[in-house]
Amino acid sequence: MTTQATQVTAGNPRMSKIFNLTATDNQWDGNVLTDSISSQSIGILIPNTPISYAAAEYEAGGMAWRLQNAQTLLVKSRGFANASGLDCFASQQITPVTVGQNDILTVYPVPVAGVGETNNLAWIQTSKSTELFTAMAATDNASKAMTSAVNSQSLGDLFFGSVLQRIWVQVQDGAALNYVDIVDEMGGVVMTLQGGKRGAMAGSKSNQYNLYAVNLGIAIGKGWSIRVNASSV
């Protein structure tokens, strides 16, 4: 299994702390970041502290992050990282949350795929919950179904009966997102959402995502799926 250097700087207008880890690609398990000075997790280091931004970085490919209670597994905040050196303070603001004593920062990095392929991540928010979906080694310009990073379930299996509200997608460095589409149990396309390329320079817009679609209202049926179509060049 491959690894890469990851880092999250979390803070508020009065302070910040840097958390890092050489993380294993393609998994959440074991990828708990600790403080760069004391090697403590975020909940132990700064309990009861509000944070309003999270500057997350990875080495190459892509990465999702989350702030989670280690005991209840409740996720308080989540998002995508940008490649190292492409931070933008304005776009790394998050909805303010208070760090609990049992909270941990975890990451899900992915490497760059092989020639003619892309690795892809998507946060899917519904009226039920928000989950990370992936599509690894997707062939260029060919649609591939995304499944839950935790249990490999499809959109319809995991979210049947709920309402799709928001989708934000990150494809690997340098790749372009052609589109994502929502497909029903008969193979019919319910909705298509076009994407593009992420920013590739410091301060450019959308360094973290290739698509950010909000205010959706699609009732998800059994057997439905979400597909990604991207190009590595």
C-alpha atoms as a PDB file:
ATOM      1  CA  MET A   1       0.000   0.000   0.000  1.00  0.00           C
ATOM      2  CA  THR A   2       1.198   3.492  -0.810  1.00  0.00           C
ATOM      3  CA  THR A   3       1.545   6.399   1.600  1.00  0.00           C
ATOM      4  CA  GLN A   4       1.929  10.158   1.355  1.00  0.00           C
ATOM      5  CA  ALA A   5       2.567  13.174   3.559  1.00  0.00           C
ATOM      6  CA  THR A   6      -0.623  14.889   4.755  1.00  0.00           C
ATOM      7  CA  GLN A   7      -1.283  17.941   6.900  1.00  0.00           C
ATOM      8  CA  VAL A   8      -4.220  19.896   8.332  1.00  0.00           C
ATOM      9  CA  THR A   9      -3.822  23.324   9.933  1.00  0.00           C
ATOM     10  CA  ALA A  10      -6.914  24.002  12.033  1.00  0.00           C
ATOM     11  CA  GLY A  11      -7.713  27.183  13.895  1.00  0.00           C
ATOM     12  CA  ASN A  12      -9.741  30.334  14.391  1.00  0.00           C
ATOM     13  CA  PRO A  13      -8.995  34.085  14.151  1.00  0.00           C
ATOM     14  CA  ARG A  14      -6.887  33.908  17.341  1.00  0.00           C
ATOM     15  CA  MET A  15      -4.849  30.695  16.985  1.00  0.00           C
ATOM     16  CA  SER A  16      -4.022  27.631  14.918  1.00  0.00           C
ATOM     17  CA  LYS A  17      -2.331  24.250  15.265  1.00  0.00           C
ATOM     18  CA  ILE A  18      -0.668  22.040  12.659  1.00  0.00           C
ATOM     19  CA  PHE A  19      -1.523  18.334  12.527  1.00  0.00           C
ATOM     20  CA  ASN A  20       0.256  15.917  10.212  1.00  0.00           C
ATOM     21  CA  LEU A  21       0.744  12.271   9.301  1.00  0.00           C
ATOM     22  CA  THR A  22       2.352  10.069   6.696  1.00  0.00           C
ATOM     23  CA  ALA A  23      -1.008   8.551   5.764  1.00  0.00           C
ATOM     24  CA  THR A  24      -1.932   5.338   3.957  1.00  0.00           C
ATOM     25  CA  ASP A  25      -3.767   5.875   0.677  1.00  0.00           C
ATOM     26  CA  ASN A  26      -7.331   4.711   0.016  1.00  0.00           C
ATOM     27  CA  GLN A  27      -8.510   4.348   3.611  1.00  0.00           C
ATOM     28  CA  TRP A  28      -9.724   6.165   6.715  1.00  0.00           C
ATOM     29  CA  ASP A  29      -8.552   3.521   9.188  1.00  0.00           C
ATOM     30  CA  GLY A  30      -5.407   4.462  11.066  1.00  0.00           C
ATOM     31  CA  ASN A  31      -5.067   7.847   9.377  1.00  0.00           C
ATOM     32  CA  VAL A  32      -5.353   9.961  12.535  1.00  0.00           C
ATOM     33  CA  LEU A  33      -3.354  13.181  12.409  1.00  0.00           C
ATOM     34  CA  THR A  34      -1.463  14.424  15.475  1.00  0.00           C
ATOM     35  CA  ASP A  35       0.055  17.759  16.451  1.00  0.00           C
ATOM     36  CA  SER A  36       3.416  18.477  14.831  1.00  0.00           C
ATOM     37  CA  ILE A  37       4.966  19.478  18.184  1.00  0.00           C
ATOM     38  CA  SER A  38       3.367  17.350  20.896  1.00  0.00           C
ATOM     39  CA  SER A  39       2.084  14.415  18.777  1.00  0.00           C
ATOM     40  CA  GLN A  40      -1.350  14.703  20.406  1.00  0.00           C
ATOM     41  CA  SER A  41      -4.689  14.399  18.648  1.00  0.00           C
ATOM     42  CA  ILE A  42      -6.768  17.540  18.177  1.00  0.00           C
ATOM     43  CA  GLY A  43      -9.268  16.670  20.934  1.00  0.00           C
ATOM     44  CA  ILE A  44      -6.546  16.190  23.536  1.00  0.00           C
ATOM     45  CA  LEU A  45      -4.563  19.240  22.446  1.00  0.00           C
ATOM     46  CA  ILE A  46      -7.297  21.874  22.098  1.00  0.00           C
ATOM     47  CA  PRO A  47     -10.544  20.593  23.700  1.00  0.00           C
ATOM     48  CA  ASN A  48     -13.485  23.026  23.821  1.00  0.00           C
ATOM     49  CA  THR A  49     -11.803  25.276  21.264  1.00  0.00           C
ATOM     50  CA  PRO A  50     -13.820  26.665  18.347  1.00  0.00           C
ATOM     51  CA  ILE A  51     -12.269  26.279  14.890  1.00  0.00           C
ATOM     52  CA  SER A  52     -13.397  28.123  11.771  1.00  0.00           C
ATOM     53  CA  TYR A  53     -10.880  27.086   9.146  1.00  0.00           C
ATOM     54  CA  ALA A  54      -9.049  23.941   8.100  1.00  0.00           C
ATOM     55  CA  ALA A  55      -6.159  24.135   5.654  1.00  0.00           C
ATOM     56  CA  ALA A  56      -5.714  20.534   4.515  1.00  0.00           C
ATOM     57  CA  GLU A  57      -2.868  19.451   2.214  1.00  0.00           C
ATOM     58  CA  TYR A  58      -1.705  16.278   0.517  1.00  0.00           C
ATOM     59  CA  GLU A  59       1.344  15.331  -1.539  1.00  0.00           C
ATOM     60  CA  ALA A  60      -0.118  14.068  -4.844  1.00  0.00           C
ATOM     61  CA  GLY A  61      -3.482  12.789  -6.046  1.00  0.00           C
ATOM     62  CA  GLY A  62      -6.327  13.976  -3.826  1.00  0.00           C
ATOM     63  CA  MET A  63      -7.647  13.838  -0.261  1.00  0.00           C
ATOM     64  CA  ALA A  64     -10.736  14.130   1.896  1.00  0.00           C
ATOM     65  CA  TRP A  65     -10.628  15.015   5.601  1.00  0.00           C
ATOM     66  CA  ARG A  66     -13.035  14.948   8.536  1.00  0.00           C
ATOM     67  CA  LEU A  67     -13.280  15.976  12.194  1.00  0.00           C
ATOM     68  CA  GLN A  68     -14.877  13.066  14.039  1.00  0.00           C
ATOM     69  CA  ASN A  69     -15.717  11.954  17.564  1.00  0.00           C
ATOM     70  CA  ALA A  70     -13.622   8.806  18.083  1.00  0.00           C
ATOM     71  CA  GLN A  71     -16.223   7.238  20.403  1.00  0.00           C
ATOM     72  CA  THR A  72     -19.590   8.086  18.805  1.00  0.00           C
ATOM     73  CA  LEU A  73     -18.174   8.365  15.241  1.00  0.00           C
ATOM     74  CA  LEU A  74     -20.184  11.579  14.779  1.00  0.00           C
ATOM     75  CA  VAL A  75     -18.580  13.717  12.053  1.00  0.00           C
ATOM     76  CA  LYS A  76     -18.598  17.417  12.950  1.00  0.00           C
ATOM     77  CA  SER A  77     -16.881  18.801   9.870  1.00  0.00           C
ATOM     78  CA  ARG A  78     -15.545  17.532   6.547  1.00  0.00           C
ATOM     79  CA  GLY A  79     -14.080  18.676   3.277  1.00  0.00           C
ATOM     80  CA  PHE A  80     -11.408  18.259   0.629  1.00  0.00           C
ATOM     81  CA  ALA A  81      -7.726  19.141   0.774  1.00  0.00           C
ATOM     82  CA  ASN A  82      -5.612  20.897  -1.836  1.00  0.00           C
ATOM     83  CA  ALA A  83      -2.205  19.919  -3.138  1.00  0.00           C
ATOM     84  CA  SER A  84       0.676  21.126  -0.986  1.00  0.00           C
ATOM     85  CA  GLY A  85       1.508  24.762  -1.696  1.00  0.00           C
ATOM     86  CA  LEU A  86      -1.914  25.685  -3.103  1.00  0.00           C
ATOM     87  CA  ASP A  87      -3.539  26.953   0.087  1.00  0.00           C
ATOM     88  CA  CYS A  88      -6.130  29.729   0.012  1.00  0.00           C
ATOM     89  CA  PHE A  89      -7.189  31.025   3.426  1.00  0.00           C
ATOM     90  CA  ALA A  90     -10.512  32.379   2.144  1.00  0.00           C
ATOM     91  CA  SER A  91     -11.613  29.073   0.585  1.00  0.00           C
ATOM     92  CA  GLN A  92     -10.483  27.044   3.619  1.00  0.00           C
ATOM     93  CA  GLN A  93     -13.035  28.606   5.955  1.00  0.00           C
ATOM     94  CA  ILE A  94     -15.470  26.112   7.464  1.00  0.00           C
ATOM     95  CA  THR A  95     -18.705  26.364   9.416  1.00  0.00           C
ATOM     96  CA  PRO A  96     -17.468  27.030  12.985  1.00  0.00           C
ATOM     97  CA  VAL A  97     -17.411  23.964  15.227  1.00  0.00           C
ATOM     98  CA  THR A  98     -16.133  23.338  18.753  1.00  0.00           C
ATOM     99  CA  VAL A  99     -13.508  20.636  19.217  1.00  0.00           C
ATOM    100  CA  GLY A 100     -14.510  17.966  21.747  1.00  0.00           C
ATOM    101  CA  GLN A 101     -12.060  16.074  23.927  1.00  0.00           C
ATOM    102  CA  ASN A 102     -12.687  12.839  22.010  1.00  0.00           C
ATOM    103  CA  ASP A 103     -12.390  14.382  18.550  1.00  0.00           C
ATOM    104  CA  ILE A 104      -9.812  13.294  15.977  1.00  0.00           C
ATOM    105  CA  LEU A 105      -8.754  14.551  12.559  1.00  0.00           C
ATOM    106  CA  THR A 106      -8.668  11.781   9.965  1.00  0.00           C
ATOM    107  CA  VAL A 107      -7.810  11.812   6.253  1.00  0.00           C
ATOM    108  CA  TYR A 108      -8.554   9.699   3.178  1.00  0.00           C
ATOM    109  CA  PRO A 109      -5.797  10.348   0.608  1.00  0.00           C
ATOM    110  CA  VAL A 110      -5.657   8.825  -2.863  1.00  0.00           C
ATOM    111  CA  PRO A 111      -2.642   8.625  -5.190  1.00  0.00           C
ATOM    112  CA  VAL A 112      -2.486   9.551  -8.858  1.00  0.00           C
ATOM    113  CA  ALA A 113      -3.919   6.691 -10.939  1.00  0.00           C
ATOM    114  CA  GLY A 114      -2.182   4.919 -13.803  1.00  0.00           C
ATOM    115  CA  VAL A 115      -1.915   6.217 -17.359  1.00  0.00           C
ATOM    116  CA  GLY A 116      -5.327   6.866 -18.903  1.00  0.00           C
ATOM    117  CA  GLU A 117      -7.138   6.635 -15.557  1.00  0.00           C
ATOM    118  CA  THR A 118      -8.275   8.876 -12.705  1.00  0.00           C
ATOM    119  CA  ASN A 119      -8.943   8.476  -8.990  1.00  0.00           C
ATOM    120  CA  ASN A 120     -12.044  10.365  -7.862  1.00  0.00           C
ATOM    121  CA  LEU A 121     -13.652  11.414  -4.578  1.00  0.00           C
ATOM    122  CA  ALA A 122     -17.091  12.872  -3.805  1.00  0.00           C
ATOM    123  CA  TRP A 123     -18.842  14.027  -0.648  1.00  0.00           C
ATOM    124  CA  ILE A 124     -22.539  13.179  -1.020  1.00  0.00           C
ATOM    125  CA  GLN A 125     -24.963  14.967   1.297  1.00  0.00           C
ATOM    126  CA  THR A 126     -28.555  13.781   1.687  1.00  0.00           C
ATOM    127  CA  SER A 127     -31.367  14.292   4.179  1.00  0.00           C
ATOM    128  CA  LYS A 128     -30.090  11.104   5.870  1.00  0.00           C
ATOM    129  CA  SER A 129     -26.356  11.797   6.238  1.00  0.00           C
ATOM    130  CA  THR A 130     -23.184  12.792   4.390  1.00  0.00           C
ATOM    131  CA  GLU A 131     -20.753  10.144   3.147  1.00  0.00           C
ATOM    132  CA  LEU A 132     -17.569   9.961   1.096  1.00  0.00           C
ATOM    133  CA  PHE A 133     -17.843   8.140  -2.239  1.00  0.00           C
ATOM    134  CA  THR A 134     -14.976   6.988  -4.464  1.00  0.00           C
ATOM    135  CA  ALA A 135     -14.296   5.756  -7.989  1.00  0.00           C
ATOM    136  CA  MET A 136     -10.756   4.450  -8.317  1.00  0.00           C
ATOM    137  CA  ALA A 137      -8.868   3.789 -11.569  1.00  0.00           C
ATOM    138  CA  ALA A 138     -11.706   5.137 -13.708  1.00  0.00           C
ATOM    139  CA  THR A 139     -10.918   4.920 -17.429  1.00  0.00           C
ATOM    140  CA  ASP A 140     -10.633   8.304 -19.113  1.00  0.00           C
ATOM    141  CA  ASN A 141     -13.868   9.636 -20.643  1.00  0.00           C
ATOM    142  CA  ALA A 142     -15.858   6.592 -19.511  1.00  0.00           C
ATOM    143  CA  SER A 143     -18.506   6.794 -16.783  1.00  0.00           C
ATOM    144  CA  LYS A 144     -17.867   4.753 -13.642  1.00  0.00           C
ATOM    145  CA  ALA A 145     -20.194   4.231 -10.691  1.00  0.00           C
ATOM    146  CA  MET A 146     -19.052   5.696  -7.378  1.00  0.00           C
ATOM    147  CA  THR A 147     -19.498   3.741  -4.150  1.00  0.00           C
ATOM    148  CA  SER A 148     -19.226   4.536  -0.457  1.00  0.00           C
ATOM    149  CA  ALA A 149     -15.652   4.629   0.839  1.00  0.00           C
ATOM    150  CA  VAL A 150     -16.711   2.877   4.037  1.00  0.00           C
ATOM    151  CA  ASN A 151     -18.805  -0.058   2.811  1.00  0.00           C
ATOM    152  CA  SER A 152     -18.741   0.085  -1.025  1.00  0.00           C
ATOM    153  CA  GLN A 153     -22.505   0.645  -1.278  1.00  0.00           C
ATOM    154  CA  SER A 154     -24.104   2.427  -4.220  1.00  0.00           C
ATOM    155  CA  LEU A 155     -26.015   5.694  -3.923  1.00  0.00           C
ATOM    156  CA  GLY A 156     -29.377   3.919  -3.947  1.00  0.00           C
ATOM    157  CA  ASP A 157     -28.357   1.166  -1.524  1.00  0.00           C
ATOM    158  CA  LEU A 158     -26.985   3.620   1.039  1.00  0.00           C
ATOM    159  CA  PHE A 159     -29.435   6.524   0.651  1.00  0.00           C
ATOM    160  CA  PHE A 160     -32.682   4.928  -0.546  1.00  0.00           C
ATOM    161  CA  GLY A 161     -35.652   7.017   0.586  1.00  0.00           C
ATOM    162  CA  SER A 162     -33.618  10.151   1.316  1.00  0.00           C
ATOM    163  CA  VAL A 163     -33.223  13.393  -0.655  1.00  0.00           C
ATOM    164  CA  LEU A 164     -29.978  14.289  -2.406  1.00  0.00           C
ATOM    165  CA  GLN A 165     -29.012  17.815  -1.334  1.00  0.00           C
ATOM    166  CA  ARG A 166     -25.372  18.490  -2.212  1.00  0.00           C
ATOM    167  CA  ILE A 167     -22.507  16.956  -4.201  1.00  0.00           C
ATOM    168  CA  TRP A 168     -18.908  18.112  -4.220  1.00  0.00           C
ATOM    169  CA  VAL A 169     -16.329  16.241  -6.262  1.00  0.00           C
ATOM    170  CA  GLN A 170     -12.532  16.118  -6.359  1.00  0.00           C
ATOM    171  CA  VAL A 171     -10.691  14.340  -9.172  1.00  0.00           C
ATOM    172  CA  GLN A 172      -6.956  13.752  -9.019  1.00  0.00           C
ATOM    173  CA  ASP A 173      -4.361  16.459  -9.678  1.00  0.00           C
ATOM    174  CA  GLY A 174      -4.308  17.769 -13.226  1.00  0.00           C
ATOM    175  CA  ALA A 175      -7.419  15.871 -14.312  1.00  0.00           C
ATOM    176  CA  ALA A 176     -10.673  17.316 -15.602  1.00  0.00           C
ATOM    177  CA  LEU A 177     -14.136  16.312 -14.430  1.00  0.00           C
ATOM    178  CA  ASN A 178     -16.326  16.028 -17.505  1.00  0.00           C
ATOM    179  CA  TYR A 179     -19.514  15.418 -15.533  1.00  0.00           C
ATOM    180  CA  VAL A 180     -21.267  13.366 -12.895  1.00  0.00           C
ATOM    181  CA  ASP A 181     -24.727  11.950 -13.450  1.00  0.00           C
ATOM    182  CA  ILE A 182     -27.445  10.424 -11.327  1.00  0.00           C
ATOM    183  CA  VAL A 183     -28.878   7.250 -12.852  1.00  0.00           C
ATOM    184  CA  ASP A 184     -32.098   5.466 -11.857  1.00  0.00           C
ATOM    185  CA  GLU A 185     -32.671   1.723 -11.506  1.00  0.00           C
ATOM    186  CA  MET A 186     -33.591   1.426 -15.209  1.00  0.00           C
ATOM    187  CA  GLY A 187     -30.421   3.156 -16.390  1.00  0.00           C
ATOM    188  CA  GLY A 188     -32.165   6.449 -17.129  1.00  0.00           C
ATOM    189  CA  VAL A 189     -30.226   9.639 -16.438  1.00  0.00           C
ATOM    190  CA  VAL A 190     -32.046  11.765 -13.855  1.00  0.00           C
ATOM    191  CA  MET A 191     -29.534  14.621 -13.746  1.00  0.00           C
ATOM    192  CA  THR A 192     -26.175  15.525 -15.276  1.00  0.00           C
ATOM    193  CA  LEU A 193     -23.815  18.011 -13.629  1.00  0.00           C
ATOM    194  CA  GLN A 194     -20.817  19.313 -15.562  1.00  0.00           C
ATOM    195  CA  GLY A 195     -17.489  19.893 -13.849  1.00  0.00           C
ATOM    196  CA  GLY A 196     -14.047  21.119 -14.871  1.00  0.00           C
ATOM    197  CA  LYS A 197     -10.463  21.439 -13.673  1.00  0.00           C
ATOM    198  CA  ARG A 198      -9.310  22.482 -10.225  1.00  0.00           C
ATOM    199  CA  GLY A 199      -7.110  25.536  -9.753  1.00  0.00           C
ATOM    200  CA  ALA A 200      -3.400  24.818 -10.134  1.00  0.00           C
ATOM    201  CA  MET A 201      -1.803  27.892  -8.599  1.00  0.00           C
ATOM    202  CA  ALA A 202      -1.746  29.495  -5.160  1.00  0.00           C
ATOM    203  CA  GLY A 203      -4.831  31.612  -4.566  1.00  0.00           C
ATOM    204  CA  SER A 204      -6.741  30.391  -7.631  1.00  0.00           C
ATOM    205  CA  LYS A 205     -10.389  29.489  -7.165  1.00  0.00           C
ATOM    206  CA  SER A 206     -11.584  25.912  -6.583  1.00  0.00           C
ATOM    207  CA  ASN A 207      -8.226  24.395  -5.635  1.00  0.00           C
ATOM    208  CA  GLN A 208     -10.170  21.778  -3.664  1.00  0.00           C
ATOM    209  CA  TYR A 209     -13.030  20.664  -5.893  1.00  0.00           C
ATOM    210  CA  ASN A 210     -13.942  20.136  -9.552  1.00  0.00           C
ATOM    211  CA  LEU A 211     -17.681  20.386  -8.926  1.00  0.00           C
ATOM    212  CA  TYR A 212     -19.722  21.927  -6.127  1.00  0.00           C
ATOM    213  CA  ALA A 213     -23.480  21.484  -6.572  1.00  0.00           C
ATOM    214  CA  VAL A 214     -25.857  22.699  -3.838  1.00  0.00           C
ATOM    215  CA  ASN A 215     -29.592  23.136  -3.265  1.00  0.00           C
ATOM    216  CA  LEU A 216     -30.451  19.868  -4.987  1.00  0.00           C
ATOM    217  CA  GLY A 217     -33.736  18.089  -4.274  1.00  0.00           C
ATOM    218  CA  ILE A 218     -33.617  14.628  -5.839  1.00  0.00           C
ATOM    219  CA  ALA A 219     -35.513  11.823  -4.087  1.00  0.00           C
ATOM    220  CA  ILE A 220     -33.181   8.792  -4.287  1.00  0.00           C
ATOM    221  CA  GLY A 221     -34.665   5.475  -5.354  1.00  0.00           C
ATOM    222  CA  LYS A 222     -33.541   1.892  -4.767  1.00  0.00           C
ATOM    223  CA  GLY A 223     -30.945   0.781  -7.280  1.00  0.00           C
ATOM    224  CA  TRP A 224     -29.884   4.305  -8.199  1.00  0.00           C
ATOM    225  CA  SER A 225     -26.239   5.225  -8.725  1.00  0.00           C
ATOM    226  CA  ILE A 226     -23.956   8.218  -9.166  1.00  0.00           C
ATOM    227  CA  ARG A 227     -21.376   7.999 -11.934  1.00  0.00           C
ATOM    228  CA  VAL A 228     -18.257  10.045 -12.605  1.00  0.00           C
ATOM    229  CA  ASN A 229     -16.756  10.783 -16.037  1.00  0.00           C
ATOM    230  CA  ALA A 230     -13.284  12.349 -15.983  1.00  0.00           C
ATOM    231  CA  SER A 231     -10.123  12.704 -18.052  1.00  0.00           C
ATOM    232  CA  SER A 232      -6.545  12.549 -16.774  1.00  0.00           C
ATOM    233  CA  VAL A 233      -5.301  14.920 -19.524  1.00  0.00           C
END
